[in-house]
């Protein structure tokens, strides 16, 4: 199921670092932005919100200083945990 794959990618993004984290984020975003089959509006809102918020994750401290909307690892982990919790309430497994 697509939702399980998306949850797995979010968990991978939260629990990994470096290029593995960036790869999991990109895979998650690619699936969310390219998938038109999600009919549940609430689910779609959660997925698109986290995909959008992940655009502002920047692991490089120096680059993060250039734009106050960028955030680092701590906030990424918090954002992903919140998204997973929201997904769990819609589809507990």
Protein backbone atom coordinates (compact mmCIF):
# COMPACT_ATOMS: atom_id res chain seq x y z
CA UNK A 1 0.00 0.00 0.00
CA UNK A 2 1.21 3.46 -0.89
CA UNK A 3 0.57 4.89 2.57
CA UNK A 4 2.80 2.26 4.20
CA UNK A 5 5.57 3.07 1.72
CA UNK A 6 5.24 6.76 2.51
CA UNK A 7 5.33 6.14 6.27
CA UNK A 8 8.42 3.99 5.80
CA UNK A 9 10.16 6.78 3.87
CA UNK A 10 9.29 9.30 6.59
CA UNK A 11 10.65 6.97 9.26
CA UNK A 12 13.79 6.48 7.18
CA UNK A 13 14.19 10.26 6.86
CA UNK A 14 13.79 10.67 10.60
CA UNK A 15 16.14 7.85 11.58
CA UNK A 16 18.92 8.33 9.06
CA UNK A 17 21.37 11.11 8.32
CA UNK A 18 23.35 12.65 5.51
CA UNK A 19 22.66 11.48 1.99
CA UNK A 20 20.37 8.69 3.17
CA UNK A 21 18.13 11.25 4.85
CA UNK A 22 18.08 13.49 1.80
CA UNK A 23 17.34 10.51 -0.47
CA UNK A 24 14.38 9.40 1.69
CA UNK A 25 12.98 12.94 1.72
CA UNK A 26 13.28 13.24 -2.06
CA UNK A 27 11.62 9.86 -2.64
CA UNK A 28 8.77 10.82 -0.31
CA UNK A 29 8.25 14.16 -2.04
CA UNK A 30 8.41 12.63 -5.52
CA UNK A 31 5.70 10.12 -4.66
CA UNK A 32 3.44 12.71 -3.02
CA UNK A 33 3.76 15.28 -5.80
CA UNK A 34 3.32 12.71 -8.59
CA UNK A 35 0.44 10.72 -7.10
CA UNK A 36 -3.05 11.79 -8.08
CA UNK A 37 -4.71 8.63 -6.76
CA UNK A 38 -5.05 9.85 -3.17
CA UNK A 39 -8.74 10.61 -2.89
CA UNK A 40 -8.99 11.18 0.85
CA UNK A 41 -8.77 14.95 1.24
CA UNK A 42 -7.51 14.87 4.82
CA UNK A 43 -4.79 12.35 3.92
CA UNK A 44 -3.82 14.38 0.88
CA UNK A 45 -3.57 17.53 3.02
CA UNK A 46 -1.27 15.82 5.53
CA UNK A 47 0.97 14.40 2.82
CA UNK A 48 1.23 17.59 0.80
CA UNK A 49 1.84 19.67 3.94
CA UNK A 50 4.79 17.54 5.03
CA UNK A 51 6.13 17.32 1.47
CA UNK A 52 6.03 21.12 1.26
CA UNK A 53 7.57 21.59 4.72
CA UNK A 54 10.40 19.23 3.80
CA UNK A 55 11.43 21.69 1.08
CA UNK A 56 12.75 23.90 3.87
CA UNK A 57 15.01 21.26 5.42
CA UNK A 58 18.63 22.28 4.95
CA UNK A 59 21.33 20.14 6.60
CA UNK A 60 24.11 22.65 5.94
CA UNK A 61 24.43 25.15 8.82
CA UNK A 62 25.97 27.86 6.65
CA UNK A 63 23.30 27.66 3.97
CA UNK A 64 20.60 27.67 6.64
CA UNK A 65 21.85 31.07 7.82
CA UNK A 66 21.01 32.53 4.40
CA UNK A 67 17.29 32.08 4.84
CA UNK A 68 15.37 32.08 8.14
CA UNK A 69 12.74 29.71 6.73
CA UNK A 70 15.30 26.90 6.42
CA UNK A 71 15.58 24.47 9.31
CA UNK A 72 17.90 21.69 10.43
CA UNK A 73 17.81 18.16 11.77
CA UNK A 74 16.02 18.82 15.07
CA UNK A 75 13.03 20.45 13.43
CA UNK A 76 13.00 17.88 10.63
CA UNK A 77 12.65 15.10 13.17
CA UNK A 78 9.86 16.98 14.95
CA UNK A 79 8.00 17.69 11.67
CA UNK A 80 8.27 14.07 10.58
CA UNK A 81 7.11 12.71 13.96
CA UNK A 82 4.05 14.95 13.83
CA UNK A 83 3.27 13.84 10.26
CA UNK A 84 3.60 10.16 11.18
CA UNK A 85 1.28 10.66 14.16
CA UNK A 86 -1.30 12.34 11.92
CA UNK A 87 -1.06 9.51 9.42
CA UNK A 88 -1.46 6.97 12.22
CA UNK A 89 -4.71 8.59 13.35
CA UNK A 90 -6.11 8.28 9.83
CA UNK A 91 -4.86 4.77 9.19
CA UNK A 92 -3.65 2.98 12.33
CA UNK A 93 -1.56 -0.13 11.59
